[in-house]
Amino acid sequence: MKKDIFSKLGNNLWRVRIEKSMTINQLSKKARLDRNTLLNIEKGVANPLFSTILKLSKALNTHPSILCKGL
């Protein structure tokens, strides 16, 4: 069950990042998060803090609910 949640979050992050035409490196710099952390979130193997989700949504100029859709 947890893997499903993390996979959905990762897929949502990947989809939004691609829609915004951002590379993983660009998002890493803009959100001030480690590139490997972002890769692990997108792969669904990381359990990000809510503060990390907020940083990502701000960097992607989207609402956190978009990243959490379907969880």
N, C-alpha and C. Protein backbone atom coordinates (compact mmCIF):
# COMPACT_ATOMS: atom_id res chain seq x y z
N MET A 1 0.83 -1.20 0.00
CA MET A 1 0.00 0.00 0.00
C MET A 1 0.87 1.26 0.00
N LYS A 2 1.91 1.32 0.85
CA LYS A 2 2.77 2.50 0.89
C LYS A 2 3.47 2.69 -0.45
N LYS A 3 3.90 1.58 -1.06
CA LYS A 3 4.57 1.71 -2.35
C LYS A 3 3.65 2.32 -3.39
N ASP A 4 2.37 1.97 -3.33
CA ASP A 4 1.41 2.56 -4.26
C ASP A 4 1.32 4.06 -4.08
N ILE A 5 1.30 4.50 -2.85
CA ILE A 5 1.22 5.93 -2.55
C ILE A 5 2.47 6.65 -3.06
N PHE A 6 3.64 6.07 -2.76
CA PHE A 6 4.88 6.70 -3.18
C PHE A 6 5.01 6.69 -4.71
N SER A 7 4.55 5.62 -5.34
CA SER A 7 4.59 5.54 -6.80
C SER A 7 3.69 6.58 -7.44
N LYS A 8 2.49 6.75 -6.88
CA LYS A 8 1.56 7.76 -7.41
C LYS A 8 2.14 9.16 -7.26
N LEU A 9 2.70 9.44 -6.09
CA LEU A 9 3.31 10.74 -5.87
C LEU A 9 4.45 10.96 -6.85
N GLY A 10 5.28 9.95 -7.03
CA GLY A 10 6.39 10.05 -7.98
C GLY A 10 5.93 10.26 -9.40
N ASN A 11 4.90 9.54 -9.80
CA ASN A 11 4.35 9.72 -11.15
C ASN A 11 3.77 11.11 -11.33
N ASN A 12 3.08 11.60 -10.31
CA ASN A 12 2.52 12.95 -10.38
C ASN A 12 3.63 13.99 -10.51
N LEU A 13 4.66 13.83 -9.71
CA LEU A 13 5.79 14.77 -9.77
C LEU A 13 6.43 14.74 -11.15
N TRP A 14 6.69 13.56 -11.67
CA TRP A 14 7.31 13.41 -12.99
C TRP A 14 6.44 14.07 -14.07
N ARG A 15 5.13 13.79 -14.02
CA ARG A 15 4.20 14.33 -15.03
C ARG A 15 4.19 15.86 -15.01
N VAL A 16 4.08 16.44 -13.83
CA VAL A 16 4.03 17.90 -13.72
C VAL A 16 5.36 18.51 -14.16
N ARG A 17 6.46 17.88 -13.75
CA ARG A 17 7.78 18.40 -14.15
C ARG A 17 7.93 18.40 -15.66
N ILE A 18 7.49 17.33 -16.32
CA ILE A 18 7.57 17.24 -17.78
C ILE A 18 6.63 18.26 -18.42
N GLU A 19 5.43 18.41 -17.87
CA GLU A 19 4.49 19.41 -18.40
C GLU A 19 5.07 20.82 -18.32
N LYS A 20 5.86 21.07 -17.29
CA LYS A 20 6.48 22.38 -17.11
C LYS A 20 7.81 22.49 -17.86
N SER A 21 8.16 21.45 -18.60
CA SER A 21 9.40 21.42 -19.40
C SER A 21 10.64 21.67 -18.54
N MET A 22 10.67 21.04 -17.38
CA MET A 22 11.80 21.19 -16.48
C MET A 22 12.59 19.89 -16.43
N THR A 23 13.90 20.03 -16.37
CA THR A 23 14.75 18.87 -16.14
C THR A 23 14.81 18.62 -14.64
N ILE A 24 15.30 17.45 -14.30
CA ILE A 24 15.46 17.12 -12.88
C ILE A 24 16.47 18.07 -12.23
N ASN A 25 17.49 18.46 -12.98
CA ASN A 25 18.49 19.39 -12.45
C ASN A 25 17.90 20.78 -12.22
N GLN A 26 17.06 21.24 -13.16
CA GLN A 26 16.42 22.54 -12.99
C GLN A 26 15.52 22.55 -11.77
N LEU A 27 14.73 21.48 -11.62
CA LEU A 27 13.83 21.41 -10.46
C LEU A 27 14.64 21.33 -9.17
N SER A 28 15.71 20.59 -9.19
CA SER A 28 16.57 20.46 -8.02
C SER A 28 17.08 21.82 -7.56
N LYS A 29 17.54 22.62 -8.49
CA LYS A 29 18.05 23.95 -8.15
C LYS A 29 16.94 24.87 -7.67
N LYS A 30 15.81 24.85 -8.38
CA LYS A 30 14.71 25.75 -8.05
C LYS A 30 14.09 25.41 -6.69
N ALA A 31 13.98 24.11 -6.39
CA ALA A 31 13.39 23.69 -5.12
C ALA A 31 14.41 23.60 -4.00
N ARG A 32 15.70 23.73 -4.37
CA ARG A 32 16.79 23.61 -3.40
C ARG A 32 16.76 22.24 -2.70
N LEU A 33 16.62 21.21 -3.54
CA LEU A 33 16.62 19.84 -3.07
C LEU A 33 17.66 19.05 -3.85
N ASP A 34 18.20 18.05 -3.22
CA ASP A 34 19.20 17.21 -3.86
C ASP A 34 18.60 16.46 -5.06
N ARG A 35 19.36 16.39 -6.14
CA ARG A 35 18.93 15.73 -7.36
C ARG A 35 18.56 14.27 -7.10
N ASN A 36 19.38 13.57 -6.32
CA ASN A 36 19.10 12.16 -6.03
C ASN A 36 17.82 11.98 -5.21
N THR A 37 17.54 12.93 -4.35
CA THR A 37 16.29 12.89 -3.60
C THR A 37 15.11 12.97 -4.56
N LEU A 38 15.19 13.88 -5.53
CA LEU A 38 14.11 14.01 -6.51
C LEU A 38 13.97 12.75 -7.35
N LEU A 39 15.08 12.19 -7.76
CA LEU A 39 15.03 10.95 -8.54
C LEU A 39 14.37 9.83 -7.74
N ASN A 40 14.69 9.73 -6.46
CA ASN A 40 14.07 8.70 -5.62
C ASN A 40 12.58 8.93 -5.41
N ILE A 41 12.18 10.18 -5.30
CA ILE A 41 10.76 10.49 -5.18
C ILE A 41 10.04 10.09 -6.46
N GLU A 42 10.61 10.46 -7.60
CA GLU A 42 9.98 10.13 -8.88
C GLU A 42 9.91 8.62 -9.11
N LYS A 43 10.90 7.89 -8.61
CA LYS A 43 10.91 6.42 -8.74
C LYS A 43 9.95 5.76 -7.75
N GLY A 44 9.46 6.51 -6.79
CA GLY A 44 8.53 5.97 -5.81
C GLY A 44 9.20 5.22 -4.68
N VAL A 45 10.49 5.47 -4.46
CA VAL A 45 11.20 4.77 -3.40
C VAL A 45 11.51 5.66 -2.19
N ALA A 46 11.13 6.91 -2.25
CA ALA A 46 11.38 7.84 -1.15
C ALA A 46 10.06 8.22 -0.48
N ASN A 47 10.15 8.53 0.78
CA ASN A 47 9.01 8.97 1.57
C ASN A 47 9.25 10.44 1.93
N PRO A 48 8.84 11.36 1.05
CA PRO A 48 9.16 12.77 1.28
C PRO A 48 8.32 13.39 2.41
N LEU A 49 8.94 14.29 3.10
CA LEU A 49 8.23 15.08 4.10
C LEU A 49 7.23 16.01 3.40
N PHE A 50 6.21 16.42 4.15
CA PHE A 50 5.25 17.36 3.57
C PHE A 50 5.93 18.66 3.17
N SER A 51 6.93 19.07 3.94
CA SER A 51 7.65 20.30 3.60
C SER A 51 8.36 20.16 2.25
N THR A 52 8.81 18.96 1.92
CA THR A 52 9.43 18.71 0.61
C THR A 52 8.39 18.83 -0.49
N ILE A 53 7.20 18.30 -0.26
CA ILE A 53 6.13 18.41 -1.25
C ILE A 53 5.77 19.88 -1.46
N LEU A 54 5.77 20.65 -0.39
CA LEU A 54 5.49 22.09 -0.52
C LEU A 54 6.57 22.79 -1.33
N LYS A 55 7.84 22.46 -1.08
CA LYS A 55 8.93 23.06 -1.86
C LYS A 55 8.79 22.71 -3.34
N LEU A 56 8.46 21.46 -3.63
CA LEU A 56 8.31 21.03 -5.02
C LEU A 56 7.14 21.74 -5.69
N SER A 57 6.02 21.82 -5.00
CA SER A 57 4.86 22.48 -5.61
C SER A 57 5.14 23.95 -5.87
N LYS A 58 5.85 24.60 -4.96
CA LYS A 58 6.22 26.01 -5.16
C LYS A 58 7.16 26.15 -6.36
N ALA A 59 8.15 25.27 -6.44
CA ALA A 59 9.11 25.33 -7.55
C ALA A 59 8.45 25.05 -8.89
N LEU A 60 7.40 24.22 -8.86
CA LEU A 60 6.68 23.87 -10.09
C LEU A 60 5.51 24.81 -10.36
N ASN A 61 5.30 25.76 -9.45
CA ASN A 61 4.20 26.72 -9.57
C ASN A 61 2.86 25.99 -9.71
N THR A 62 2.64 25.04 -8.80
CA THR A 62 1.40 24.27 -8.81
C THR A 62 0.95 24.06 -7.37
N HIS A 63 -0.27 23.65 -7.19
CA HIS A 63 -0.82 23.41 -5.85
C HIS A 63 -0.37 22.03 -5.37
N PRO A 64 -0.07 21.90 -4.08
CA PRO A 64 0.35 20.59 -3.56
C PRO A 64 -0.65 19.47 -3.85
N SER A 65 -1.93 19.81 -3.94
CA SER A 65 -2.94 18.79 -4.21
C SER A 65 -2.74 18.13 -5.58
N ILE A 66 -2.11 18.85 -6.51
CA ILE A 66 -1.84 18.27 -7.83
C ILE A 66 -0.80 17.15 -7.70
N LEU A 67 0.21 17.38 -6.86
CA LEU A 67 1.23 16.36 -6.65
C LEU A 67 0.67 15.18 -5.85
N CYS A 68 -0.32 15.43 -5.02
CA CYS A 68 -0.89 14.38 -4.17
C CYS A 68 -2.16 13.75 -4.77
N LYS A 69 -2.50 14.11 -5.96
CA LYS A 69 -3.73 13.61 -6.59
C LYS A 69 -3.72 12.09 -6.67
N GLY A 70 -4.81 11.50 -6.21
CA GLY A 70 -4.99 10.06 -6.30
C GLY A 70 -4.33 9.26 -5.19
N LEU A 71 -3.81 9.94 -4.18
CA LEU A 71 -3.15 9.20 -3.09
C LEU A 71 -4.16 8.64 -2.12
